[in-house]
Amino acid sequence: MMWTAIWFVINMFFVASVITLLFMHRSVTEAVQDPAGAARLAAAKKRRKVVSILSLVLFLAMCASFLINMRLNG
């Protein structure tokens, strides 16, 4: 039962990070369209990269906790 709760919490954080990643991508797209915002574009790309790495790590953690949960609980 513990692994089900762990999977659920990690899954919630993963979904929240993917939604945040979509907003970060929108921010980059808007910064590209602004010709005077080179610094804004660089900052937006850096934030998007950090959130995408976080999303990838959370996805791997979600998969691992799901597999452990299925192994233990059937």
C-alpha atoms as a PDB file:
ATOM      1  CA  MET A   1       0.000   0.000   0.000  1.00  0.00           C
ATOM      2  CA  MET A   2       2.906   2.319   0.697  1.00  0.00           C
ATOM      3  CA  TRP A   3       4.199   2.075  -2.890  1.00  0.00           C
ATOM      4  CA  THR A   4       0.759   2.955  -4.223  1.00  0.00           C
ATOM      5  CA  ALA A   5       0.840   6.180  -2.224  1.00  0.00           C
ATOM      6  CA  ILE A   6       4.413   6.908  -3.309  1.00  0.00           C
ATOM      7  CA  TRP A   7       3.475   6.341  -6.951  1.00  0.00           C
ATOM      8  CA  PHE A   8       0.422   8.580  -6.586  1.00  0.00           C
ATOM      9  CA  VAL A   9       2.392  11.473  -5.081  1.00  0.00           C
ATOM     10  CA  ILE A  10       5.166  11.208  -7.680  1.00  0.00           C
ATOM     11  CA  ASN A  11       2.536  11.012 -10.404  1.00  0.00           C
ATOM     12  CA  MET A  12       0.928  14.247  -9.158  1.00  0.00           C
ATOM     13  CA  PHE A  13       4.290  16.035  -9.208  1.00  0.00           C
ATOM     14  CA  PHE A  14       5.029  14.655 -12.676  1.00  0.00           C
ATOM     15  CA  VAL A  15       1.728  15.902 -14.093  1.00  0.00           C
ATOM     16  CA  ALA A  16       2.258  19.317 -12.485  1.00  0.00           C
ATOM     17  CA  SER A  17       5.761  19.527 -13.951  1.00  0.00           C
ATOM     18  CA  VAL A  18       4.519  18.633 -17.449  1.00  0.00           C
ATOM     19  CA  ILE A  19       1.847  21.339 -17.236  1.00  0.00           C
ATOM     20  CA  THR A  20       4.525  23.779 -16.071  1.00  0.00           C
ATOM     21  CA  LEU A  21       6.726  22.672 -18.974  1.00  0.00           C
ATOM     22  CA  LEU A  22       3.943  23.532 -21.410  1.00  0.00           C
ATOM     23  CA  PHE A  23       3.743  27.040 -19.944  1.00  0.00           C
ATOM     24  CA  MET A  24       7.546  27.374 -20.126  1.00  0.00           C
ATOM     25  CA  HIS A  25       7.434  26.354 -23.799  1.00  0.00           C
ATOM     26  CA  ARG A  26       4.776  28.998 -24.424  1.00  0.00           C
ATOM     27  CA  SER A  27       7.004  31.563 -22.741  1.00  0.00           C
ATOM     28  CA  VAL A  28       9.883  30.644 -25.054  1.00  0.00           C
ATOM     29  CA  THR A  29       7.618  30.863 -28.097  1.00  0.00           C
ATOM     30  CA  GLU A  30       6.454  34.330 -27.093  1.00  0.00           C
ATOM     31  CA  ALA A  31      10.039  35.444 -26.394  1.00  0.00           C
ATOM     32  CA  VAL A  32      11.124  34.299 -29.864  1.00  0.00           C
ATOM     33  CA  GLN A  33       8.507  36.570 -31.421  1.00  0.00           C
ATOM     34  CA  ASP A  34       9.844  39.620 -29.544  1.00  0.00           C
ATOM     35  CA  PRO A  35      12.930  40.851 -31.432  1.00  0.00           C
ATOM     36  CA  ALA A  36      14.129  43.089 -28.581  1.00  0.00           C
ATOM     37  CA  GLY A  37      14.012  40.414 -25.866  1.00  0.00           C
ATOM     38  CA  ALA A  38      17.259  38.468 -26.326  1.00  0.00           C
ATOM     39  CA  ALA A  39      17.903  38.310 -22.578  1.00  0.00           C
ATOM     40  CA  ARG A  40      14.306  37.253 -21.959  1.00  0.00           C
ATOM     41  CA  LEU A  41      14.654  34.499 -24.568  1.00  0.00           C
ATOM     42  CA  ALA A  42      17.840  33.151 -22.985  1.00  0.00           C
ATOM     43  CA  ALA A  43      16.267  33.112 -19.524  1.00  0.00           C
ATOM     44  CA  ALA A  44      13.111  31.433 -20.821  1.00  0.00           C
ATOM     45  CA  LYS A  45      15.131  28.738 -22.598  1.00  0.00           C
ATOM     46  CA  LYS A  46      17.150  28.058 -19.448  1.00  0.00           C
ATOM     47  CA  ARG A  47      14.003  27.752 -17.312  1.00  0.00           C
ATOM     48  CA  ARG A  48      12.420  25.453 -19.901  1.00  0.00           C
ATOM     49  CA  LYS A  49      15.501  23.228 -19.904  1.00  0.00           C
ATOM     50  CA  VAL A  50      15.486  22.961 -16.104  1.00  0.00           C
ATOM     51  CA  VAL A  51      11.778  22.096 -16.006  1.00  0.00           C
ATOM     52  CA  SER A  52      12.182  19.554 -18.804  1.00  0.00           C
ATOM     53  CA  ILE A  53      15.001  17.794 -16.934  1.00  0.00           C
ATOM     54  CA  LEU A  54      12.878  17.807 -13.775  1.00  0.00           C
ATOM     55  CA  SER A  55       9.961  16.340 -15.738  1.00  0.00           C
ATOM     56  CA  LEU A  56      12.188  13.604 -17.146  1.00  0.00           C
ATOM     57  CA  VAL A  57      13.494  12.689 -13.681  1.00  0.00           C
ATOM     58  CA  LEU A  58       9.962  12.622 -12.289  1.00  0.00           C
ATOM     59  CA  PHE A  59       8.824  10.447 -15.192  1.00  0.00           C
ATOM     60  CA  LEU A  60      11.577   7.929 -14.463  1.00  0.00           C
ATOM     61  CA  ALA A  61      10.719   7.981 -10.749  1.00  0.00           C
ATOM     62  CA  MET A  62       7.052   7.484 -11.564  1.00  0.00           C
ATOM     63  CA  CYS A  63       7.846   4.501 -13.794  1.00  0.00           C
ATOM     64  CA  ALA A  64      10.126   2.951 -11.189  1.00  0.00           C
ATOM     65  CA  SER A  65       7.624   3.359  -8.355  1.00  0.00           C
ATOM     66  CA  PHE A  66       4.852   1.951 -10.542  1.00  0.00           C
ATOM     67  CA  LEU A  67       6.926  -1.115 -11.412  1.00  0.00           C
ATOM     68  CA  ILE A  68       7.868  -1.653  -7.763  1.00  0.00           C
ATOM     69  CA  ASN A  69       4.221  -1.282  -6.778  1.00  0.00           C
ATOM     70  CA  MET A  70       3.134  -3.837  -9.392  1.00  0.00           C
ATOM     71  CA  ARG A  71       5.901  -6.227  -8.339  1.00  0.00           C
ATOM     72  CA  LEU A  72       4.923  -6.071  -4.653  1.00  0.00           C
ATOM     73  CA  ASN A  73       1.147  -5.788  -4.899  1.00  0.00           C
ATOM     74  CA  GLY A  74       0.457  -7.750  -8.062  1.00  0.00           C
END
